[in-house]
Each structure stands twice: as structure tokens, then as C-alpha cells.
Amino acid sequence: MIKTVQAFWGRSGHIEGVLAGLGATSTFLKLTLFASLSAI
């Protein structure tokens, strides 16, 4: 039972990690774009 729960959390945690990584990347790109526009 515990192993099943750990496997489930490991899988969902990985997916959340990927989504968080994508979100952080897009946020970073937006900040970079905003900063470059502000610098002009």
C-alpha cells in the first residue's frame, strides 16, 4: 500500500515539477521581455 502511494506521488510530483518548470520558464521569458522593453 505504502509503495503504491509513493509511486503515485512520485509520478504526480514529477508532472507538477515539469509544469512548474514550464511555468517558471515562461515567467522568466515574460520578465526578460518586459525588462528589455522597459530598457528601450
PDB file of N, CA and C in Angstrom:
ATOM      1  N   MET A   1       0.838  -1.206   0.000  1.00  0.00           N
ATOM      2  CA  MET A   1       0.000   0.000   0.000  1.00  0.00           C
ATOM      3  C   MET A   1       0.875   1.258   0.000  1.00  0.00           C
ATOM      4  N   ILE A   2       1.843   1.296   0.899  1.00  0.00           N
ATOM      5  CA  ILE A   2       2.705   2.476   1.001  1.00  0.00           C
ATOM      6  C   ILE A   2       3.499   2.674  -0.289  1.00  0.00           C
ATOM      7  N   LYS A   3       3.982   1.564  -0.855  1.00  0.00           N
ATOM      8  CA  LYS A   3       4.749   1.678  -2.096  1.00  0.00           C
ATOM      9  C   LYS A   3       3.881   2.226  -3.217  1.00  0.00           C
ATOM     10  N   THR A   4       2.620   1.812  -3.248  1.00  0.00           N
ATOM     11  CA  THR A   4       1.704   2.305  -4.282  1.00  0.00           C
ATOM     12  C   THR A   4       1.503   3.804  -4.134  1.00  0.00           C
ATOM     13  N   VAL A   5       1.320   4.255  -2.898  1.00  0.00           N
ATOM     14  CA  VAL A   5       1.132   5.687  -2.642  1.00  0.00           C
ATOM     15  C   VAL A   5       2.380   6.461  -3.040  1.00  0.00           C
ATOM     16  N   GLN A   6       3.553   5.928  -2.684  1.00  0.00           N
ATOM     17  CA  GLN A   6       4.806   6.597  -3.029  1.00  0.00           C
ATOM     18  C   GLN A   6       4.977   6.680  -4.536  1.00  0.00           C
ATOM     19  N   ALA A   7       4.605   5.611  -5.249  1.00  0.00           N
ATOM     20  CA  ALA A   7       4.715   5.605  -6.703  1.00  0.00           C
ATOM     21  C   ALA A   7       3.777   6.645  -7.307  1.00  0.00           C
ATOM     22  N   PHE A   8       2.567   6.721  -6.750  1.00  0.00           N
ATOM     23  CA  PHE A   8       1.590   7.696  -7.242  1.00  0.00           C
ATOM     24  C   PHE A   8       2.092   9.123  -7.028  1.00  0.00           C
ATOM     25  N   TRP A   9       2.577   9.406  -5.805  1.00  0.00           N
ATOM     26  CA  TRP A   9       3.063  10.750  -5.503  1.00  0.00           C
ATOM     27  C   TRP A   9       4.300  11.072  -6.315  1.00  0.00           C
ATOM     28  N   GLY A  10       5.135  10.062  -6.552  1.00  0.00           N
ATOM     29  CA  GLY A  10       6.335  10.286  -7.354  1.00  0.00           C
ATOM     30  C   GLY A  10       5.955  10.697  -8.764  1.00  0.00           C
ATOM     31  N   ARG A  11       4.945  10.033  -9.317  1.00  0.00           N
ATOM     32  CA  ARG A  11       4.520  10.322 -10.688  1.00  0.00           C
ATOM     33  C   ARG A  11       3.874  11.707 -10.766  1.00  0.00           C
ATOM     34  N   SER A  12       2.928  11.991  -9.864  1.00  0.00           N
ATOM     35  CA  SER A  12       2.239  13.281  -9.894  1.00  0.00           C
ATOM     36  C   SER A  12       3.220  14.398  -9.550  1.00  0.00           C
ATOM     37  N   GLY A  13       4.169  14.107  -8.664  1.00  0.00           N
ATOM     38  CA  GLY A  13       5.166  15.109  -8.303  1.00  0.00           C
ATOM     39  C   GLY A  13       6.036  15.449  -9.496  1.00  0.00           C
ATOM     40  N   HIS A  14       6.362  14.438 -10.298  1.00  0.00           N
ATOM     41  CA  HIS A  14       7.181  14.663 -11.491  1.00  0.00           C
ATOM     42  C   HIS A  14       6.434  15.545 -12.480  1.00  0.00           C
ATOM     43  N   ILE A  15       5.149  15.262 -12.667  1.00  0.00           N
ATOM     44  CA  ILE A  15       4.325  16.049 -13.592  1.00  0.00           C
ATOM     45  C   ILE A  15       4.233  17.493 -13.105  1.00  0.00           C
ATOM     46  N   GLU A  16       4.019  17.669 -11.810  1.00  0.00           N
ATOM     47  CA  GLU A  16       3.944  19.020 -11.249  1.00  0.00           C
ATOM     48  C   GLU A  16       5.276  19.728 -11.414  1.00  0.00           C
ATOM     49  N   GLY A  17       6.367  18.966 -11.262  1.00  0.00           N
ATOM     50  CA  GLY A  17       7.696  19.550 -11.431  1.00  0.00           C
ATOM     51  C   GLY A  17       7.900  20.046 -12.850  1.00  0.00           C
ATOM     52  N   VAL A  18       7.439  19.258 -13.818  1.00  0.00           N
ATOM     53  CA  VAL A  18       7.567  19.647 -15.227  1.00  0.00           C
ATOM     54  C   VAL A  18       6.735  20.892 -15.505  1.00  0.00           C
ATOM     55  N   LEU A  19       5.497  20.899 -14.995  1.00  0.00           N
ATOM     56  CA  LEU A  19       4.619  22.054 -15.200  1.00  0.00           C
ATOM     57  C   LEU A  19       5.201  23.293 -14.526  1.00  0.00           C
ATOM     58  N   ALA A  20       5.746  23.108 -13.331  1.00  0.00           N
ATOM     59  CA  ALA A  20       6.345  24.233 -12.617  1.00  0.00           C
ATOM     60  C   ALA A  20       7.551  24.755 -13.385  1.00  0.00           C
ATOM     61  N   GLY A  21       8.325  23.838 -13.968  1.00  0.00           N
ATOM     62  CA  GLY A  21       9.482  24.243 -14.761  1.00  0.00           C
ATOM     63  C   GLY A  21       9.060  25.044 -15.977  1.00  0.00           C
ATOM     64  N   LEU A  22       7.995  24.595 -16.641  1.00  0.00           N
ATOM     65  CA  LEU A  22       7.494  25.312 -17.815  1.00  0.00           C
ATOM     66  C   LEU A  22       6.964  26.678 -17.411  1.00  0.00           C
ATOM     67  N   GLY A  23       6.245  26.727 -16.296  1.00  0.00           N
ATOM     68  CA  GLY A  23       5.694  27.988 -15.815  1.00  0.00           C
ATOM     69  C   GLY A  23       6.803  28.960 -15.448  1.00  0.00           C
ATOM     70  N   ALA A  24       7.853  28.450 -14.795  1.00  0.00           N
ATOM     71  CA  ALA A  24       8.969  29.306 -14.410  1.00  0.00           C
ATOM     72  C   ALA A  24       9.678  29.828 -15.651  1.00  0.00           C
ATOM     73  N   THR A  25       9.805  28.984 -16.662  1.00  0.00           N
ATOM     74  CA  THR A  25      10.471  29.390 -17.899  1.00  0.00           C
ATOM     75  C   THR A  25       9.685  30.487 -18.593  1.00  0.00           C
ATOM     76  N   SER A  26       8.363  30.308 -18.702  1.00  0.00           N
ATOM     77  CA  SER A  26       7.537  31.316 -19.374  1.00  0.00           C
ATOM     78  C   SER A  26       7.528  32.616 -18.573  1.00  0.00           C
ATOM     79  N   THR A  27       7.509  32.513 -17.246  1.00  0.00           N
ATOM     80  CA  THR A  27       7.541  33.709 -16.403  1.00  0.00           C
ATOM     81  C   THR A  27       8.862  34.434 -16.593  1.00  0.00           C
ATOM     82  N   PHE A  28       9.953  33.671 -16.649  1.00  0.00           N
ATOM     83  CA  PHE A  28      11.277  34.262 -16.854  1.00  0.00           C
ATOM     84  C   PHE A  28      11.344  34.966 -18.204  1.00  0.00           C
ATOM     85  N   LEU A  29      10.767  34.342 -19.230  1.00  0.00           N
ATOM     86  CA  LEU A  29      10.762  34.952 -20.563  1.00  0.00           C
ATOM     87  C   LEU A  29       9.946  36.239 -20.568  1.00  0.00           C
ATOM     88  N   LYS A  30       8.816  36.230 -19.865  1.00  0.00           N
ATOM     89  CA  LYS A  30       7.985  37.435 -19.789  1.00  0.00           C
ATOM     90  C   LYS A  30       8.732  38.556 -19.082  1.00  0.00           C
ATOM     91  N   LEU A  31       9.416  38.211 -17.978  1.00  0.00           N
ATOM     92  CA  LEU A  31      10.176  39.219 -17.242  1.00  0.00           C
ATOM     93  C   LEU A  31      11.303  39.768 -18.102  1.00  0.00           C
ATOM     94  N   THR A  32      11.973  38.883 -18.834  1.00  0.00           N
ATOM     95  CA  THR A  32      13.068  39.308 -19.704  1.00  0.00           C
ATOM     96  C   THR A  32      12.547  40.229 -20.796  1.00  0.00           C
ATOM     97  N   LEU A  33      11.425  39.856 -21.391  1.00  0.00           N
ATOM     98  CA  LEU A  33      10.813  40.666 -22.446  1.00  0.00           C
ATOM     99  C   LEU A  33      10.402  42.030 -21.894  1.00  0.00           C
ATOM    100  N   PHE A  34       9.774  42.017 -20.717  1.00  0.00           N
ATOM    101  CA  PHE A  34       9.330  43.257 -20.075  1.00  0.00           C
ATOM    102  C   PHE A  34      10.524  44.151 -19.754  1.00  0.00           C
ATOM    103  N   ALA A  35      11.593  43.542 -19.243  1.00  0.00           N
ATOM    104  CA  ALA A  35      12.791  44.304 -18.886  1.00  0.00           C
ATOM    105  C   ALA A  35      13.428  44.911 -20.128  1.00  0.00           C
ATOM    106  N   SER A  36      13.487  44.157 -21.211  1.00  0.00           N
ATOM    107  CA  SER A  36      14.100  44.668 -22.435  1.00  0.00           C
ATOM    108  C   SER A  36      13.247  45.781 -23.039  1.00  0.00           C
ATOM    109  N   LEU A  37      11.918  45.663 -22.926  1.00  0.00           N
ATOM    110  CA  LEU A  37      11.041  46.719 -23.436  1.00  0.00           C
ATOM    111  C   LEU A  37      11.170  47.975 -22.584  1.00  0.00           C
ATOM    112  N   SER A  38      11.324  47.791 -21.277  1.00  0.00           N
ATOM    113  CA  SER A  38      11.441  48.927 -20.369  1.00  0.00           C
ATOM    114  C   SER A  38      12.774  49.637 -20.570  1.00  0.00           C
ATOM    115  N   ALA A  39      13.792  48.880 -20.968  1.00  0.00           N
ATOM    116  CA  ALA A  39      15.130  49.447 -21.124  1.00  0.00           C
ATOM    117  C   ALA A  39      15.213  50.324 -22.367  1.00  0.00           C
ATOM    118  N   ILE A  40      14.342  50.086 -23.319  1.00  0.00           N
ATOM    119  CA  ILE A  40      14.387  50.848 -24.574  1.00  0.00           C
ATOM    120  C   ILE A  40      13.957  52.297 -24.340  1.00  0.00           C
TER     121      ILE A  40
END
